[in-house]
Amino acid sequence: MKNVIVSDKKKHFNKKAIHRLVHYLSKEIGFSIQALQINFINNKEIWELNKKHLSHDYTTDIITFDYSDNKKLLDAEIYISVDEALTNSEKYKVSFEKEIKRLVIHGILHLTGYDDKAPDDKKIMKRFENRLLSKINFTLL
């Protein structure tokens, strides 16, 4: 996918596999990409973004910035904290790779209009997230 940029300074992941994941999600969810940048960063970097842009003084696992005019044509940035992903994988007893897949899916679901603020919406989003995750049988590492 030419309109997808994967930034991974520490070389944690196979960029082609991230592109494959995004392509798969575009078909399953039904969206196209104008421009999408997926950035794998550390806790310090995500804390700085969270504080500067969202006025939250803490780390988080994922932040999305949506510049899209249309939820079916994505123009966005996704920032994923590799440190938080590792912490989450240990906490929830899942592989680090599965947690990264979940975070990419989670970010794209937000960008395509899904929300997880209200309990009912969170259940719907989580169910779809889990269904998508269960269908992915290739590695990102």
N, C-alpha and C. Protein backbone atom coordinates (compact mmCIF):
# COMPACT_ATOMS: atom_id res chain seq x y z
N MET A 1 0.86 -1.18 0.00
CA MET A 1 0.00 0.00 0.00
C MET A 1 0.90 1.23 0.00
N LYS A 2 0.86 1.97 -1.06
CA LYS A 2 1.75 3.11 -1.24
C LYS A 2 1.45 4.27 -0.30
N ASN A 3 0.23 4.39 0.14
CA ASN A 3 -0.16 5.53 0.96
C ASN A 3 -0.01 5.26 2.46
N VAL A 4 0.65 4.16 2.81
CA VAL A 4 0.88 3.81 4.20
C VAL A 4 2.37 3.92 4.49
N ILE A 5 2.71 4.68 5.52
CA ILE A 5 4.10 4.81 5.96
C ILE A 5 4.19 4.20 7.35
N VAL A 6 5.17 3.32 7.53
CA VAL A 6 5.41 2.69 8.83
C VAL A 6 6.74 3.21 9.35
N SER A 7 6.69 3.86 10.50
CA SER A 7 7.90 4.38 11.13
C SER A 7 8.22 3.53 12.36
N ASP A 8 9.36 2.86 12.31
CA ASP A 8 9.77 1.95 13.37
C ASP A 8 11.28 2.04 13.52
N LYS A 9 11.74 3.06 14.24
CA LYS A 9 13.18 3.34 14.37
C LYS A 9 13.97 2.16 14.92
N LYS A 10 13.37 1.41 15.82
CA LYS A 10 14.08 0.30 16.47
C LYS A 10 13.98 -1.01 15.69
N LYS A 11 13.26 -0.98 14.58
CA LYS A 11 13.12 -2.16 13.71
C LYS A 11 12.50 -3.36 14.44
N HIS A 12 11.41 -3.11 15.15
CA HIS A 12 10.71 -4.18 15.86
C HIS A 12 9.95 -5.09 14.91
N PHE A 13 9.45 -4.50 13.81
CA PHE A 13 8.47 -5.19 12.98
C PHE A 13 8.88 -5.24 11.52
N ASN A 14 8.30 -6.19 10.82
CA ASN A 14 8.45 -6.30 9.38
C ASN A 14 7.46 -5.32 8.75
N LYS A 15 7.97 -4.28 8.10
CA LYS A 15 7.09 -3.24 7.55
C LYS A 15 6.12 -3.79 6.51
N LYS A 16 6.57 -4.76 5.72
CA LYS A 16 5.67 -5.36 4.73
C LYS A 16 4.50 -6.04 5.41
N ALA A 17 4.75 -6.66 6.55
CA ALA A 17 3.67 -7.32 7.29
C ALA A 17 2.68 -6.31 7.86
N ILE A 18 3.16 -5.15 8.30
CA ILE A 18 2.26 -4.09 8.78
C ILE A 18 1.40 -3.61 7.61
N HIS A 19 2.00 -3.44 6.44
CA HIS A 19 1.24 -3.06 5.24
C HIS A 19 0.19 -4.12 4.93
N ARG A 20 0.58 -5.38 5.04
CA ARG A 20 -0.36 -6.48 4.78
C ARG A 20 -1.53 -6.43 5.77
N LEU A 21 -1.24 -6.16 7.03
CA LEU A 21 -2.28 -6.04 8.04
C LEU A 21 -3.25 -4.91 7.70
N VAL A 22 -2.72 -3.75 7.33
CA VAL A 22 -3.57 -2.61 6.99
C VAL A 22 -4.40 -2.93 5.74
N HIS A 23 -3.80 -3.57 4.76
CA HIS A 23 -4.54 -3.95 3.55
C HIS A 23 -5.68 -4.91 3.90
N TYR A 24 -5.40 -5.89 4.73
CA TYR A 24 -6.42 -6.83 5.18
C TYR A 24 -7.57 -6.08 5.87
N LEU A 25 -7.22 -5.17 6.77
CA LEU A 25 -8.24 -4.41 7.50
C LEU A 25 -9.06 -3.54 6.56
N SER A 26 -8.41 -2.97 5.54
CA SER A 26 -9.15 -2.12 4.59
C SER A 26 -10.22 -2.92 3.87
N LYS A 27 -9.94 -4.17 3.56
CA LYS A 27 -10.91 -5.03 2.89
C LYS A 27 -12.02 -5.47 3.85
N GLU A 28 -11.63 -5.85 5.06
CA GLU A 28 -12.61 -6.34 6.05
C GLU A 28 -13.54 -5.24 6.56
N ILE A 29 -12.99 -4.06 6.78
CA ILE A 29 -13.78 -2.96 7.35
C ILE A 29 -14.42 -2.12 6.25
N GLY A 30 -13.73 -2.01 5.12
CA GLY A 30 -14.27 -1.26 3.99
C GLY A 30 -13.85 0.20 3.98
N PHE A 31 -12.55 0.44 3.83
CA PHE A 31 -12.05 1.81 3.72
C PHE A 31 -10.89 1.85 2.74
N SER A 32 -10.59 3.05 2.26
CA SER A 32 -9.42 3.30 1.42
C SER A 32 -8.51 4.24 2.19
N ILE A 33 -7.31 4.42 1.67
CA ILE A 33 -6.34 5.26 2.37
C ILE A 33 -5.85 6.38 1.47
N GLN A 34 -6.05 7.60 1.96
CA GLN A 34 -5.44 8.76 1.32
C GLN A 34 -3.99 8.84 1.79
N ALA A 35 -3.82 8.82 3.12
CA ALA A 35 -2.49 8.81 3.74
C ALA A 35 -2.64 8.27 5.16
N LEU A 36 -1.78 7.33 5.51
CA LEU A 36 -1.79 6.76 6.86
C LEU A 36 -0.36 6.54 7.29
N GLN A 37 -0.01 7.10 8.44
CA GLN A 37 1.32 6.89 9.00
C GLN A 37 1.15 6.18 10.33
N ILE A 38 1.84 5.04 10.47
CA ILE A 38 1.82 4.27 11.72
C ILE A 38 3.20 4.38 12.33
N ASN A 39 3.26 4.96 13.53
CA ASN A 39 4.52 5.24 14.21
C ASN A 39 4.64 4.40 15.46
N PHE A 40 5.71 3.63 15.55
CA PHE A 40 6.00 2.85 16.75
C PHE A 40 7.03 3.63 17.55
N ILE A 41 6.62 4.07 18.74
CA ILE A 41 7.45 4.97 19.55
C ILE A 41 7.57 4.44 20.97
N ASN A 42 8.31 5.18 21.81
CA ASN A 42 8.49 4.74 23.20
C ASN A 42 7.56 5.53 24.13
N ASN A 43 7.59 5.20 25.42
CA ASN A 43 6.71 5.84 26.40
C ASN A 43 6.95 7.34 26.53
N LYS A 44 8.21 7.75 26.48
CA LYS A 44 8.52 9.18 26.60
C LYS A 44 7.88 9.96 25.45
N GLU A 45 8.00 9.42 24.25
CA GLU A 45 7.44 10.10 23.08
C GLU A 45 5.92 10.15 23.11
N ILE A 46 5.27 9.06 23.51
CA ILE A 46 3.81 9.07 23.53
C ILE A 46 3.29 9.95 24.67
N TRP A 47 4.01 9.98 25.79
CA TRP A 47 3.64 10.88 26.88
C TRP A 47 3.69 12.34 26.40
N GLU A 48 4.75 12.69 25.67
CA GLU A 48 4.88 14.06 25.16
C GLU A 48 3.75 14.41 24.20
N LEU A 49 3.39 13.49 23.31
CA LEU A 49 2.26 13.73 22.39
C LEU A 49 0.95 13.86 23.16
N ASN A 50 0.74 12.99 24.13
CA ASN A 50 -0.48 12.99 24.91
C ASN A 50 -0.63 14.31 25.68
N LYS A 51 0.46 14.77 26.25
CA LYS A 51 0.43 16.02 27.01
C LYS A 51 0.23 17.23 26.09
N LYS A 52 0.98 17.28 25.01
CA LYS A 52 0.95 18.43 24.11
C LYS A 52 -0.39 18.56 23.37
N HIS A 53 -0.89 17.45 22.84
CA HIS A 53 -2.07 17.52 21.97
C HIS A 53 -3.39 17.22 22.66
N LEU A 54 -3.35 16.45 23.75
CA LEU A 54 -4.59 16.05 24.41
C LEU A 54 -4.68 16.53 25.86
N SER A 55 -3.64 17.21 26.32
CA SER A 55 -3.57 17.72 27.70
C SER A 55 -3.71 16.62 28.75
N HIS A 56 -3.21 15.42 28.43
CA HIS A 56 -3.19 14.30 29.37
C HIS A 56 -1.76 14.08 29.81
N ASP A 57 -1.52 14.13 31.10
CA ASP A 57 -0.16 14.01 31.63
C ASP A 57 0.15 12.57 32.03
N TYR A 58 0.06 11.65 31.07
CA TYR A 58 0.36 10.25 31.32
C TYR A 58 0.64 9.53 30.00
N THR A 59 1.21 8.35 30.11
CA THR A 59 1.44 7.54 28.91
C THR A 59 0.15 6.81 28.55
N THR A 60 0.11 6.31 27.35
CA THR A 60 -1.01 5.52 26.86
C THR A 60 -0.47 4.56 25.82
N ASP A 61 -1.27 3.60 25.42
CA ASP A 61 -0.77 2.64 24.44
C ASP A 61 -0.90 3.12 23.00
N ILE A 62 -1.91 3.94 22.72
CA ILE A 62 -2.15 4.38 21.35
C ILE A 62 -2.80 5.76 21.31
N ILE A 63 -2.40 6.55 20.33
CA ILE A 63 -3.02 7.84 20.05
C ILE A 63 -3.24 7.89 18.54
N THR A 64 -4.43 8.33 18.14
CA THR A 64 -4.70 8.53 16.72
C THR A 64 -5.01 9.99 16.46
N PHE A 65 -4.55 10.48 15.34
CA PHE A 65 -4.88 11.81 14.86
C PHE A 65 -5.57 11.63 13.51
N ASP A 66 -6.83 12.04 13.46
CA ASP A 66 -7.65 11.83 12.27
C ASP A 66 -7.81 13.14 11.52
N TYR A 67 -7.34 13.17 10.29
CA TYR A 67 -7.46 14.36 9.43
C TYR A 67 -8.47 14.11 8.31
N SER A 68 -9.18 13.00 8.38
CA SER A 68 -10.08 12.58 7.31
C SER A 68 -11.34 13.43 7.26
N ASP A 69 -11.81 13.65 6.05
CA ASP A 69 -13.12 14.27 5.84
C ASP A 69 -14.19 13.19 5.73
N ASN A 70 -13.75 11.96 5.51
CA ASN A 70 -14.65 10.85 5.22
C ASN A 70 -14.10 9.60 5.91
N LYS A 71 -14.91 8.92 6.69
CA LYS A 71 -14.46 7.74 7.45
C LYS A 71 -14.13 6.55 6.54
N LYS A 72 -14.46 6.66 5.26
CA LYS A 72 -14.13 5.59 4.30
C LYS A 72 -12.86 5.90 3.52
N LEU A 73 -12.29 7.10 3.71
CA LEU A 73 -11.04 7.48 3.07
C LEU A 73 -10.13 8.07 4.15
N LEU A 74 -9.25 7.24 4.68
CA LEU A 74 -8.44 7.63 5.83
C LEU A 74 -7.29 8.55 5.47
N ASP A 75 -7.14 9.58 6.27
CA ASP A 75 -5.99 10.48 6.27
C ASP A 75 -5.66 10.67 7.74
N ALA A 76 -4.64 9.96 8.22
CA ALA A 76 -4.46 9.92 9.68
C ALA A 76 -3.05 9.49 10.07
N GLU A 77 -2.79 9.67 11.37
CA GLU A 77 -1.56 9.19 11.99
C GLU A 77 -1.95 8.32 13.18
N ILE A 78 -1.22 7.23 13.35
CA ILE A 78 -1.38 6.36 14.52
C ILE A 78 -0.03 6.30 15.22
N TYR A 79 -0.05 6.52 16.53
CA TYR A 79 1.17 6.40 17.35
C TYR A 79 0.93 5.29 18.35
N ILE A 80 1.82 4.30 18.35
CA ILE A 80 1.71 3.16 19.25
C ILE A 80 2.96 3.11 20.12
N SER A 81 2.74 3.06 21.43
CA SER A 81 3.85 2.92 22.37
C SER A 81 4.25 1.45 22.45
N VAL A 82 5.44 1.15 21.98
CA VAL A 82 5.96 -0.22 22.05
C VAL A 82 6.13 -0.63 23.51
N ASP A 83 6.52 0.32 24.36
CA ASP A 83 6.69 0.04 25.80
C ASP A 83 5.36 -0.36 26.43
N GLU A 84 4.30 0.39 26.15
CA GLU A 84 2.98 0.08 26.71
C GLU A 84 2.45 -1.23 26.14
N ALA A 85 2.72 -1.48 24.86
CA ALA A 85 2.28 -2.74 24.25
C ALA A 85 2.93 -3.93 24.96
N LEU A 86 4.19 -3.79 25.29
CA LEU A 86 4.89 -4.86 26.02
C LEU A 86 4.29 -5.05 27.41
N THR A 87 4.03 -3.95 28.11
CA THR A 87 3.40 -4.01 29.43
C THR A 87 2.03 -4.67 29.34
N ASN A 88 1.22 -4.26 28.36
CA ASN A 88 -0.11 -4.84 28.18
C ASN A 88 -0.04 -6.33 27.86
N SER A 89 0.93 -6.71 27.02
CA SER A 89 1.03 -8.13 26.66
C SER A 89 1.34 -8.98 27.89
N GLU A 90 2.16 -8.47 28.78
CA GLU A 90 2.47 -9.19 30.02
C GLU A 90 1.27 -9.20 30.96
N LYS A 91 0.61 -8.06 31.07
CA LYS A 91 -0.56 -7.93 31.95
C LYS A 91 -1.69 -8.87 31.53
N TYR A 92 -1.97 -8.92 30.22
CA TYR A 92 -3.09 -9.72 29.72
C TYR A 92 -2.68 -11.11 29.24
N LYS A 93 -1.39 -11.43 29.43
CA LYS A 93 -0.86 -12.76 29.09
C LYS A 93 -1.13 -13.13 27.62
N VAL A 94 -0.78 -12.20 26.74
CA VAL A 94 -0.83 -12.45 25.30
C VAL A 94 0.54 -12.13 24.72
N SER A 95 0.80 -12.59 23.53
CA SER A 95 2.10 -12.30 22.93
C SER A 95 2.21 -10.82 22.60
N PHE A 96 3.43 -10.34 22.61
CA PHE A 96 3.72 -8.95 22.23
C PHE A 96 3.19 -8.68 20.83
N GLU A 97 3.41 -9.61 19.92
CA GLU A 97 2.95 -9.44 18.55
C GLU A 97 1.42 -9.32 18.47
N LYS A 98 0.72 -10.14 19.22
CA LYS A 98 -0.76 -10.08 19.22
C LYS A 98 -1.23 -8.73 19.76
N GLU A 99 -0.55 -8.22 20.76
CA GLU A 99 -0.92 -6.92 21.32
C GLU A 99 -0.69 -5.81 20.30
N ILE A 100 0.38 -5.88 19.54
CA ILE A 100 0.63 -4.88 18.49
C ILE A 100 -0.46 -4.96 17.43
N LYS A 101 -0.82 -6.16 17.01
CA LYS A 101 -1.91 -6.33 16.04
C LYS A 101 -3.19 -5.70 16.59
N ARG A 102 -3.48 -5.98 17.86
CA ARG A 102 -4.69 -5.44 18.48
C ARG A 102 -4.68 -3.92 18.46
N LEU A 103 -3.53 -3.33 18.74
CA LEU A 103 -3.44 -1.87 18.77
C LEU A 103 -3.61 -1.26 17.39
N VAL A 104 -3.04 -1.87 16.37
CA VAL A 104 -3.24 -1.37 15.00
C VAL A 104 -4.73 -1.46 14.64
N ILE A 105 -5.34 -2.59 14.93
CA ILE A 105 -6.78 -2.76 14.67
C ILE A 105 -7.57 -1.71 15.44
N HIS A 106 -7.27 -1.55 16.71
CA HIS A 106 -7.98 -0.59 17.57
C HIS A 106 -7.90 0.82 17.00
N GLY A 107 -6.70 1.23 16.60
CA GLY A 107 -6.53 2.56 16.02
C GLY A 107 -7.33 2.75 14.75
N ILE A 108 -7.31 1.75 13.89
CA ILE A 108 -8.05 1.86 12.63
C ILE A 108 -9.55 1.85 12.88
N LEU A 109 -10.01 1.08 13.84
CA LEU A 109 -11.44 1.11 14.16
C LEU A 109 -11.85 2.50 14.63
N HIS A 110 -11.04 3.14 15.45
CA HIS A 110 -11.35 4.53 15.84
C HIS A 110 -11.42 5.43 14.62
N LEU A 111 -10.47 5.28 13.72
CA LEU A 111 -10.42 6.14 12.53
C LEU A 111 -11.59 5.90 11.58
N THR A 112 -12.20 4.73 11.65
CA THR A 112 -13.33 4.43 10.78
C THR A 112 -14.68 4.62 11.48
N GLY A 113 -14.65 5.27 12.66
CA GLY A 113 -15.90 5.68 13.29
C GLY A 113 -16.32 4.92 14.53
N TYR A 114 -15.57 3.93 14.94
CA TYR A 114 -15.91 3.19 16.16
C TYR A 114 -15.45 3.98 17.38
N ASP A 115 -16.22 3.85 18.47
CA ASP A 115 -15.92 4.57 19.70
C ASP A 115 -15.97 3.59 20.86
N ASP A 116 -15.23 3.89 21.91
CA ASP A 116 -15.22 3.00 23.08
C ASP A 116 -15.43 3.76 24.38
N LYS A 117 -16.05 4.91 24.31
CA LYS A 117 -16.29 5.70 25.52
C LYS A 117 -17.47 5.15 26.32
N ALA A 118 -18.59 4.90 25.68
CA ALA A 118 -19.77 4.35 26.36
C ALA A 118 -19.62 2.83 26.46
N PRO A 119 -20.09 2.23 27.57
CA PRO A 119 -19.93 0.78 27.76
C PRO A 119 -20.48 -0.07 26.60
N ASP A 120 -21.65 0.27 26.07
CA ASP A 120 -22.21 -0.51 24.97
C ASP A 120 -21.37 -0.39 23.71
N ASP A 121 -20.90 0.83 23.42
CA ASP A 121 -20.03 1.04 22.26
C ASP A 121 -18.71 0.29 22.42
N LYS A 122 -18.20 0.29 23.64
CA LYS A 122 -16.95 -0.41 23.93
C LYS A 122 -17.09 -1.90 23.67
N LYS A 123 -18.24 -2.49 24.06
CA LYS A 123 -18.48 -3.91 23.82
C LYS A 123 -18.52 -4.22 22.33
N ILE A 124 -19.21 -3.38 21.58
CA ILE A 124 -19.31 -3.57 20.13
C ILE A 124 -17.93 -3.49 19.49
N MET A 125 -17.17 -2.47 19.87
CA MET A 125 -15.84 -2.28 19.30
C MET A 125 -14.92 -3.44 19.67
N LYS A 126 -14.94 -3.85 20.92
CA LYS A 126 -14.08 -4.94 21.40
C LYS A 126 -14.41 -6.25 20.69
N ARG A 127 -15.69 -6.50 20.50
CA ARG A 127 -16.12 -7.73 19.82
C ARG A 127 -15.60 -7.76 18.38
N PHE A 128 -15.72 -6.63 17.68
CA PHE A 128 -15.24 -6.54 16.30
C PHE A 128 -13.71 -6.65 16.26
N GLU A 129 -13.06 -5.98 17.19
CA GLU A 129 -11.60 -6.04 17.32
C GLU A 129 -11.14 -7.50 17.49
N ASN A 130 -11.79 -8.23 18.37
CA ASN A 130 -11.43 -9.63 18.62
C ASN A 130 -11.70 -10.50 17.40
N ARG A 131 -12.80 -10.24 16.70
CA ARG A 131 -13.11 -11.02 15.50
C ARG A 131 -12.05 -10.80 14.42
N LEU A 132 -11.67 -9.54 14.22
CA LEU A 132 -10.63 -9.24 13.23
C LEU A 132 -9.30 -9.88 13.63
N LEU A 133 -8.96 -9.76 14.90
CA LEU A 133 -7.70 -10.30 15.40
C LEU A 133 -7.63 -11.82 15.22
N SER A 134 -8.74 -12.49 15.41
CA SER A 134 -8.76 -13.96 15.30
C SER A 134 -8.54 -14.44 13.87
N LYS A 135 -8.76 -13.58 12.89
CA LYS A 135 -8.61 -13.97 11.48
C LYS A 135 -7.21 -13.74 10.94
N ILE A 136 -6.38 -13.05 11.68
CA ILE A 136 -5.04 -12.70 11.19
C ILE A 136 -4.07 -13.82 11.57
N ASN A 137 -3.53 -14.48 10.55
CA ASN A 137 -2.68 -15.65 10.82
C ASN A 137 -1.26 -15.47 10.28
N PHE A 138 -0.82 -14.24 10.13
CA PHE A 138 0.56 -14.00 9.68
C PHE A 138 1.31 -13.20 10.73
N THR A 139 2.61 -13.27 10.68
CA THR A 139 3.45 -12.65 11.70
C THR A 139 3.86 -11.23 11.31
N LEU A 140 4.07 -10.39 12.31
CA LEU A 140 4.54 -9.01 12.10
C LEU A 140 6.02 -8.87 12.39
N LEU A 141 6.61 -9.86 13.04
CA LEU A 141 8.00 -9.76 13.48
C LEU A 141 8.97 -10.19 12.39
